[in-house]
Amino acid sequence: MVQVAIIYESLTGNTRKASHYIADALQARGHSAVAMAADRVDLDVVQRADMVVLGTWVHGAFVVGAGPALFKLRNAPAMAAKPAVVFCTYALAAGKSLDKLTRAAESMGLTVLGGMLIKRGHLQEGAEMLVDRLLAGLPTGGMPVLISR
């Protein structure tokens, strides 16, 4: 069983929904997962987690919606060298938002293994696909090795 902390920044609720879909999909497969807004992160949960999933929104094709709450997590001891997967929800075009979020996550001390874009109209399907890819990359030791970007 893998313990996953899912941290999200959401503007309109789409990233929040996707985060909860990811948590539900992980739990349905026998893993422990907690989704929490970036401004309400429980660092004890993050500390106990085997990995972090970090999600945010994209505005247009250029702006990654990483608000101040997300960046307050920078250099939190609970995040240090923790394996992570990132995702962005978007409506029209995601541009290079996944690369930007990856850099932001790495600046928080996370070790990003990969990420995924999830289109607004396909939140549940995208969340299921992210979980399938994440779990397909889990070796017998329980830690993820790769999820394609």
N, C-alpha and C. Protein backbone atom coordinates (compact mmCIF):
# COMPACT_ATOMS: atom_id res chain seq x y z
N MET A 1 0.84 -1.19 0.00
CA MET A 1 0.00 0.00 0.00
C MET A 1 0.89 1.25 0.00
N VAL A 2 0.53 2.19 -0.83
CA VAL A 2 1.24 3.46 -0.94
C VAL A 2 0.39 4.54 -0.28
N GLN A 3 1.03 5.43 0.48
CA GLN A 3 0.35 6.58 1.07
C GLN A 3 0.68 7.81 0.24
N VAL A 4 -0.39 8.49 -0.22
CA VAL A 4 -0.21 9.62 -1.13
C VAL A 4 -0.88 10.86 -0.56
N ALA A 5 -0.14 11.96 -0.54
CA ALA A 5 -0.69 13.26 -0.17
C ALA A 5 -0.91 14.04 -1.47
N ILE A 6 -2.14 14.45 -1.71
CA ILE A 6 -2.49 15.20 -2.92
C ILE A 6 -2.75 16.65 -2.51
N ILE A 7 -1.93 17.54 -3.04
CA ILE A 7 -2.01 18.96 -2.69
C ILE A 7 -2.40 19.73 -3.95
N TYR A 8 -3.42 20.58 -3.83
CA TYR A 8 -3.89 21.28 -5.03
C TYR A 8 -4.16 22.74 -4.75
N GLU A 9 -4.06 23.52 -5.83
CA GLU A 9 -4.47 24.92 -5.87
C GLU A 9 -5.56 24.97 -6.92
N SER A 10 -6.75 25.46 -6.55
CA SER A 10 -7.88 25.45 -7.48
C SER A 10 -8.53 26.82 -7.53
N LEU A 11 -8.83 27.28 -8.73
CA LEU A 11 -9.48 28.58 -8.89
C LEU A 11 -10.99 28.42 -9.01
N THR A 12 -11.44 27.54 -9.92
CA THR A 12 -12.87 27.38 -10.18
C THR A 12 -13.43 26.07 -9.66
N GLY A 13 -12.59 25.23 -9.08
CA GLY A 13 -13.05 23.95 -8.53
C GLY A 13 -12.66 22.75 -9.36
N ASN A 14 -12.16 22.96 -10.59
CA ASN A 14 -11.81 21.82 -11.43
C ASN A 14 -10.61 21.04 -10.89
N THR A 15 -9.58 21.74 -10.43
CA THR A 15 -8.41 21.04 -9.90
C THR A 15 -8.76 20.35 -8.59
N ARG A 16 -9.63 20.97 -7.81
CA ARG A 16 -10.11 20.32 -6.58
C ARG A 16 -10.82 19.02 -6.91
N LYS A 17 -11.72 19.06 -7.90
CA LYS A 17 -12.44 17.85 -8.31
C LYS A 17 -11.47 16.78 -8.80
N ALA A 18 -10.53 17.17 -9.65
CA ALA A 18 -9.56 16.21 -10.17
C ALA A 18 -8.76 15.58 -9.03
N SER A 19 -8.37 16.39 -8.06
CA SER A 19 -7.61 15.89 -6.91
C SER A 19 -8.40 14.86 -6.12
N HIS A 20 -9.67 15.13 -5.92
CA HIS A 20 -10.51 14.18 -5.18
C HIS A 20 -10.77 12.92 -6.02
N TYR A 21 -10.89 13.07 -7.33
CA TYR A 21 -11.00 11.88 -8.19
C TYR A 21 -9.73 11.03 -8.10
N ILE A 22 -8.57 11.67 -8.05
CA ILE A 22 -7.31 10.93 -7.91
C ILE A 22 -7.29 10.19 -6.58
N ALA A 23 -7.67 10.87 -5.50
CA ALA A 23 -7.72 10.23 -4.18
C ALA A 23 -8.68 9.05 -4.18
N ASP A 24 -9.86 9.24 -4.77
CA ASP A 24 -10.85 8.15 -4.82
C ASP A 24 -10.32 6.95 -5.61
N ALA A 25 -9.66 7.22 -6.74
CA ALA A 25 -9.13 6.14 -7.57
C ALA A 25 -8.02 5.38 -6.84
N LEU A 26 -7.17 6.09 -6.13
CA LEU A 26 -6.13 5.42 -5.35
C LEU A 26 -6.72 4.58 -4.23
N GLN A 27 -7.70 5.13 -3.53
CA GLN A 27 -8.35 4.40 -2.44
C GLN A 27 -9.08 3.17 -2.96
N ALA A 28 -9.71 3.28 -4.12
CA ALA A 28 -10.42 2.13 -4.71
C ALA A 28 -9.46 1.00 -5.06
N ARG A 29 -8.20 1.34 -5.24
CA ARG A 29 -7.18 0.33 -5.57
C ARG A 29 -6.38 -0.11 -4.33
N GLY A 30 -6.87 0.27 -3.15
CA GLY A 30 -6.28 -0.20 -1.91
C GLY A 30 -5.16 0.64 -1.33
N HIS A 31 -5.01 1.86 -1.82
CA HIS A 31 -3.96 2.75 -1.32
C HIS A 31 -4.56 3.83 -0.44
N SER A 32 -3.73 4.48 0.34
CA SER A 32 -4.16 5.57 1.20
C SER A 32 -3.89 6.89 0.47
N ALA A 33 -4.90 7.75 0.39
CA ALA A 33 -4.74 9.03 -0.29
C ALA A 33 -5.58 10.10 0.38
N VAL A 34 -4.98 11.26 0.57
CA VAL A 34 -5.67 12.40 1.16
C VAL A 34 -5.47 13.59 0.23
N ALA A 35 -6.58 14.22 -0.20
CA ALA A 35 -6.52 15.42 -1.02
C ALA A 35 -6.75 16.63 -0.13
N MET A 36 -5.89 17.65 -0.29
CA MET A 36 -6.03 18.84 0.53
C MET A 36 -5.63 20.09 -0.24
N ALA A 37 -6.34 21.17 0.02
CA ALA A 37 -6.03 22.44 -0.61
C ALA A 37 -4.69 22.95 -0.10
N ALA A 38 -3.95 23.65 -0.95
CA ALA A 38 -2.62 24.13 -0.59
C ALA A 38 -2.64 25.06 0.62
N ASP A 39 -3.75 25.77 0.82
CA ASP A 39 -3.82 26.67 1.97
C ASP A 39 -4.27 25.96 3.25
N ARG A 40 -4.49 24.64 3.16
CA ARG A 40 -4.89 23.85 4.33
C ARG A 40 -4.11 22.55 4.43
N VAL A 41 -2.85 22.58 4.04
CA VAL A 41 -2.03 21.37 4.04
C VAL A 41 -1.72 20.93 5.46
N ASP A 42 -1.90 19.64 5.70
CA ASP A 42 -1.51 19.02 6.96
C ASP A 42 -0.12 18.43 6.74
N LEU A 43 0.91 19.11 7.25
CA LEU A 43 2.28 18.68 7.01
C LEU A 43 2.59 17.32 7.64
N ASP A 44 1.84 16.92 8.67
CA ASP A 44 2.01 15.57 9.23
C ASP A 44 1.59 14.51 8.22
N VAL A 45 0.51 14.77 7.49
CA VAL A 45 0.06 13.85 6.45
C VAL A 45 1.11 13.77 5.35
N VAL A 46 1.65 14.92 4.96
CA VAL A 46 2.68 14.95 3.92
C VAL A 46 3.92 14.19 4.39
N GLN A 47 4.30 14.39 5.64
CA GLN A 47 5.48 13.72 6.18
C GLN A 47 5.33 12.20 6.13
N ARG A 48 4.14 11.69 6.45
CA ARG A 48 3.89 10.24 6.45
C ARG A 48 3.71 9.66 5.05
N ALA A 49 3.45 10.51 4.08
CA ALA A 49 3.16 10.03 2.72
C ALA A 49 4.42 9.47 2.06
N ASP A 50 4.21 8.46 1.22
CA ASP A 50 5.30 7.91 0.41
C ASP A 50 5.58 8.81 -0.79
N MET A 51 4.56 9.54 -1.22
CA MET A 51 4.73 10.44 -2.35
C MET A 51 3.70 11.55 -2.31
N VAL A 52 3.96 12.60 -3.10
CA VAL A 52 3.07 13.75 -3.20
C VAL A 52 2.59 13.87 -4.64
N VAL A 53 1.31 14.17 -4.80
CA VAL A 53 0.77 14.55 -6.10
C VAL A 53 0.41 16.02 -5.96
N LEU A 54 0.94 16.85 -6.84
CA LEU A 54 0.76 18.29 -6.76
C LEU A 54 0.02 18.77 -8.00
N GLY A 55 -1.11 19.45 -7.80
CA GLY A 55 -1.91 19.90 -8.94
C GLY A 55 -2.29 21.36 -8.87
N THR A 56 -2.41 21.97 -10.05
CA THR A 56 -2.86 23.35 -10.13
C THR A 56 -3.58 23.56 -11.46
N TRP A 57 -4.05 24.76 -11.68
CA TRP A 57 -4.83 25.10 -12.87
C TRP A 57 -4.00 25.93 -13.83
N VAL A 58 -4.47 25.99 -15.06
CA VAL A 58 -3.83 26.78 -16.09
C VAL A 58 -4.84 27.81 -16.58
N HIS A 59 -4.43 29.06 -16.66
CA HIS A 59 -5.27 30.12 -17.19
C HIS A 59 -4.75 30.44 -18.58
N GLY A 60 -5.54 30.16 -19.59
CA GLY A 60 -5.08 30.38 -20.96
C GLY A 60 -3.97 29.39 -21.28
N ALA A 61 -3.01 29.80 -22.05
CA ALA A 61 -1.92 28.91 -22.43
C ALA A 61 -0.61 29.25 -21.74
N PHE A 62 -0.64 30.27 -20.89
CA PHE A 62 0.64 30.76 -20.41
C PHE A 62 0.78 30.82 -18.90
N VAL A 63 -0.30 30.92 -18.17
CA VAL A 63 -0.21 31.17 -16.74
C VAL A 63 -0.52 29.90 -15.95
N VAL A 64 0.44 29.44 -15.17
CA VAL A 64 0.19 28.34 -14.25
C VAL A 64 -0.40 28.94 -13.00
N GLY A 65 -1.52 28.41 -12.56
CA GLY A 65 -2.22 28.96 -11.41
C GLY A 65 -1.67 28.50 -10.09
N ALA A 66 -0.42 28.74 -9.86
CA ALA A 66 0.18 28.41 -8.58
C ALA A 66 0.13 29.65 -7.72
N GLY A 67 -0.83 29.69 -6.83
CA GLY A 67 -1.01 30.86 -5.99
C GLY A 67 -0.08 30.87 -4.80
N PRO A 68 -0.19 31.90 -3.98
CA PRO A 68 0.70 32.06 -2.83
C PRO A 68 0.67 30.88 -1.87
N ALA A 69 -0.48 30.26 -1.70
CA ALA A 69 -0.59 29.13 -0.75
C ALA A 69 0.32 27.99 -1.18
N LEU A 70 0.41 27.74 -2.47
CA LEU A 70 1.24 26.66 -2.98
C LEU A 70 2.71 26.93 -2.69
N PHE A 71 3.13 28.16 -2.84
CA PHE A 71 4.54 28.48 -2.65
C PHE A 71 4.94 28.63 -1.19
N LYS A 72 3.97 28.71 -0.28
CA LYS A 72 4.29 28.70 1.15
C LYS A 72 4.88 27.35 1.55
N LEU A 73 4.69 26.34 0.73
CA LEU A 73 5.20 25.01 1.03
C LEU A 73 6.68 24.87 0.69
N ARG A 74 7.24 25.85 0.03
CA ARG A 74 8.65 25.80 -0.38
C ARG A 74 9.54 25.55 0.83
N ASN A 75 10.39 24.57 0.68
CA ASN A 75 11.37 24.20 1.71
C ASN A 75 10.76 23.70 3.01
N ALA A 76 9.51 23.29 3.00
CA ALA A 76 8.93 22.65 4.18
C ALA A 76 9.65 21.30 4.36
N PRO A 77 10.14 21.01 5.56
CA PRO A 77 10.88 19.76 5.77
C PRO A 77 10.12 18.51 5.31
N ALA A 78 8.80 18.54 5.41
CA ALA A 78 8.00 17.38 5.01
C ALA A 78 8.09 17.11 3.51
N MET A 79 8.49 18.12 2.73
CA MET A 79 8.55 17.98 1.28
C MET A 79 9.93 17.53 0.78
N ALA A 80 10.94 17.62 1.60
CA ALA A 80 12.32 17.40 1.18
C ALA A 80 12.53 16.04 0.54
N ALA A 81 12.93 16.07 -0.73
CA ALA A 81 13.28 14.88 -1.51
C ALA A 81 12.13 13.87 -1.63
N LYS A 82 10.92 14.29 -1.37
CA LYS A 82 9.76 13.40 -1.47
C LYS A 82 9.46 13.19 -2.95
N PRO A 83 9.25 11.92 -3.39
CA PRO A 83 8.88 11.70 -4.79
C PRO A 83 7.52 12.35 -5.07
N ALA A 84 7.38 12.88 -6.27
CA ALA A 84 6.16 13.61 -6.60
C ALA A 84 5.77 13.43 -8.06
N VAL A 85 4.50 13.58 -8.30
CA VAL A 85 3.92 13.65 -9.64
C VAL A 85 3.12 14.94 -9.68
N VAL A 86 3.18 15.66 -10.79
CA VAL A 86 2.45 16.92 -10.91
C VAL A 86 1.38 16.80 -12.00
N PHE A 87 0.34 17.62 -11.85
CA PHE A 87 -0.67 17.68 -12.91
C PHE A 87 -1.26 19.08 -12.97
N CYS A 88 -1.71 19.44 -14.17
CA CYS A 88 -2.39 20.72 -14.41
C CYS A 88 -3.73 20.43 -15.05
N THR A 89 -4.76 21.13 -14.60
CA THR A 89 -6.04 21.10 -15.28
C THR A 89 -6.10 22.32 -16.19
N TYR A 90 -6.72 22.16 -17.35
CA TYR A 90 -6.77 23.26 -18.32
C TYR A 90 -8.05 23.15 -19.14
N ALA A 91 -8.39 24.26 -19.80
CA ALA A 91 -9.59 24.30 -20.64
C ALA A 91 -9.24 24.34 -22.12
N LEU A 92 -8.39 25.27 -22.53
CA LEU A 92 -8.14 25.45 -23.96
C LEU A 92 -6.77 24.95 -24.38
N ALA A 93 -5.74 25.52 -23.81
CA ALA A 93 -4.37 25.14 -24.18
C ALA A 93 -3.51 25.21 -22.92
N ALA A 94 -2.65 24.24 -22.75
CA ALA A 94 -1.84 24.17 -21.53
C ALA A 94 -0.45 24.78 -21.71
N GLY A 95 -0.03 25.00 -22.95
CA GLY A 95 1.29 25.57 -23.18
C GLY A 95 2.37 24.77 -22.48
N LYS A 96 3.28 25.45 -21.82
CA LYS A 96 4.38 24.79 -21.10
C LYS A 96 4.12 24.74 -19.60
N SER A 97 2.84 24.73 -19.24
CA SER A 97 2.47 24.80 -17.83
C SER A 97 3.00 23.62 -17.01
N LEU A 98 3.06 22.45 -17.59
CA LEU A 98 3.55 21.29 -16.85
C LEU A 98 5.03 21.44 -16.51
N ASP A 99 5.79 21.98 -17.43
CA ASP A 99 7.21 22.25 -17.16
C ASP A 99 7.37 23.29 -16.06
N LYS A 100 6.53 24.33 -16.09
CA LYS A 100 6.59 25.38 -15.08
C LYS A 100 6.23 24.82 -13.70
N LEU A 101 5.20 23.98 -13.64
CA LEU A 101 4.81 23.40 -12.36
C LEU A 101 5.89 22.44 -11.86
N THR A 102 6.52 21.72 -12.77
CA THR A 102 7.61 20.82 -12.38
C THR A 102 8.73 21.62 -11.73
N ARG A 103 9.10 22.73 -12.34
CA ARG A 103 10.17 23.56 -11.76
C ARG A 103 9.75 24.11 -10.40
N ALA A 104 8.49 24.53 -10.28
CA ALA A 104 8.00 25.04 -9.00
C ALA A 104 8.03 23.95 -7.94
N ALA A 105 7.61 22.74 -8.29
CA ALA A 105 7.62 21.62 -7.34
C ALA A 105 9.04 21.29 -6.91
N GLU A 106 9.96 21.30 -7.86
CA GLU A 106 11.35 21.02 -7.52
C GLU A 106 11.93 22.11 -6.62
N SER A 107 11.47 23.35 -6.80
CA SER A 107 11.93 24.43 -5.92
C SER A 107 11.39 24.26 -4.50
N MET A 108 10.35 23.46 -4.35
CA MET A 108 9.79 23.15 -3.02
C MET A 108 10.52 21.99 -2.36
N GLY A 109 11.48 21.40 -3.07
CA GLY A 109 12.23 20.28 -2.52
C GLY A 109 11.74 18.93 -2.98
N LEU A 110 10.68 18.88 -3.78
CA LEU A 110 10.15 17.61 -4.26
C LEU A 110 11.02 17.04 -5.39
N THR A 111 11.03 15.73 -5.52
CA THR A 111 11.70 15.04 -6.62
C THR A 111 10.61 14.63 -7.60
N VAL A 112 10.46 15.39 -8.68
CA VAL A 112 9.36 15.16 -9.62
C VAL A 112 9.71 14.02 -10.57
N LEU A 113 8.83 13.02 -10.59
CA LEU A 113 9.02 11.84 -11.44
C LEU A 113 8.34 11.99 -12.79
N GLY A 114 7.40 12.92 -12.88
CA GLY A 114 6.68 13.14 -14.12
C GLY A 114 5.38 13.86 -13.85
N GLY A 115 4.56 13.96 -14.88
CA GLY A 115 3.32 14.68 -14.71
C GLY A 115 2.36 14.46 -15.86
N MET A 116 1.23 15.13 -15.76
CA MET A 116 0.17 14.92 -16.75
C MET A 116 -0.72 16.16 -16.82
N LEU A 117 -1.23 16.42 -18.02
CA LEU A 117 -2.24 17.46 -18.23
C LEU A 117 -3.61 16.81 -18.23
N ILE A 118 -4.56 17.43 -17.56
CA ILE A 118 -5.92 16.91 -17.51
C ILE A 118 -6.88 17.99 -18.01
N LYS A 119 -7.57 17.71 -19.10
CA LYS A 119 -8.49 18.68 -19.70
C LYS A 119 -9.75 18.82 -18.84
N ARG A 120 -10.23 20.04 -18.71
CA ARG A 120 -11.37 20.37 -17.85
C ARG A 120 -12.58 19.47 -18.08
N GLY A 121 -12.88 19.16 -19.31
CA GLY A 121 -14.06 18.34 -19.61
C GLY A 121 -13.87 16.85 -19.37
N HIS A 122 -12.67 16.44 -18.94
CA HIS A 122 -12.37 15.02 -18.75
C HIS A 122 -11.65 14.78 -17.42
N LEU A 123 -12.13 15.44 -16.38
CA LEU A 123 -11.44 15.37 -15.09
C LEU A 123 -11.37 13.96 -14.52
N GLN A 124 -12.51 13.26 -14.51
CA GLN A 124 -12.51 11.93 -13.91
C GLN A 124 -11.67 10.95 -14.73
N GLU A 125 -11.83 11.01 -16.05
CA GLU A 125 -11.03 10.12 -16.91
C GLU A 125 -9.54 10.42 -16.79
N GLY A 126 -9.21 11.71 -16.74
CA GLY A 126 -7.81 12.11 -16.60
C GLY A 126 -7.23 11.67 -15.27
N ALA A 127 -8.02 11.78 -14.21
CA ALA A 127 -7.57 11.34 -12.89
C ALA A 127 -7.32 9.84 -12.88
N GLU A 128 -8.23 9.09 -13.47
CA GLU A 128 -8.07 7.62 -13.55
C GLU A 128 -6.81 7.27 -14.34
N MET A 129 -6.58 7.98 -15.44
CA MET A 129 -5.40 7.72 -16.26
C MET A 129 -4.12 8.03 -15.48
N LEU A 130 -4.12 9.15 -14.74
CA LEU A 130 -2.95 9.50 -13.94
C LEU A 130 -2.67 8.39 -12.92
N VAL A 131 -3.70 7.92 -12.24
CA VAL A 131 -3.52 6.86 -11.24
C VAL A 131 -3.05 5.56 -11.89
N ASP A 132 -3.63 5.20 -13.03
CA ASP A 132 -3.18 4.00 -13.74
C ASP A 132 -1.70 4.08 -14.08
N ARG A 133 -1.28 5.24 -14.61
CA ARG A 133 0.13 5.41 -14.98
C ARG A 133 1.03 5.41 -13.75
N LEU A 134 0.57 6.08 -12.70
CA LEU A 134 1.35 6.12 -11.47
C LEU A 134 1.55 4.72 -10.91
N LEU A 135 0.48 3.95 -10.82
CA LEU A 135 0.57 2.61 -10.24
C LEU A 135 1.31 1.64 -11.16
N ALA A 136 1.25 1.85 -12.46
CA ALA A 136 2.00 1.00 -13.40
C ALA A 136 3.50 1.18 -13.22
N GLY A 137 3.90 2.34 -12.68
CA GLY A 137 5.30 2.61 -12.47
C GLY A 137 5.80 2.22 -11.09
N LEU A 138 4.95 1.56 -10.28
CA LEU A 138 5.37 1.18 -8.95
C LEU A 138 6.08 -0.16 -8.96
N PRO A 139 7.34 -0.19 -8.60
CA PRO A 139 8.02 -1.47 -8.46
C PRO A 139 7.56 -2.17 -7.18
N THR A 140 8.02 -3.35 -6.92
CA THR A 140 7.56 -4.11 -5.77
C THR A 140 7.83 -3.41 -4.45
N GLY A 141 8.80 -2.52 -4.41
CA GLY A 141 9.09 -1.80 -3.18
C GLY A 141 8.06 -0.73 -2.84
N GLY A 142 7.15 -0.43 -3.74
CA GLY A 142 6.08 0.51 -3.45
C GLY A 142 6.35 1.95 -3.84
N MET A 143 7.53 2.25 -4.33
CA MET A 143 7.83 3.63 -4.71
C MET A 143 7.75 3.77 -6.23
N PRO A 144 7.18 4.86 -6.73
CA PRO A 144 7.05 5.04 -8.17
C PRO A 144 8.41 5.25 -8.84
N VAL A 145 8.53 4.75 -10.03
CA VAL A 145 9.77 4.97 -10.77
C VAL A 145 9.60 5.97 -11.89
N LEU A 146 8.46 5.99 -12.55
CA LEU A 146 8.29 6.90 -13.66
C LEU A 146 6.83 7.04 -14.05
N ILE A 147 6.45 8.23 -14.38
CA ILE A 147 5.16 8.49 -15.03
C ILE A 147 5.52 9.45 -16.15
N SER A 148 5.08 9.15 -17.35
CA SER A 148 5.49 9.96 -18.50
C SER A 148 4.89 11.36 -18.43
N ARG A 149 5.65 12.32 -18.92
CA ARG A 149 5.17 13.71 -18.94
C ARG A 149 4.43 13.96 -20.22
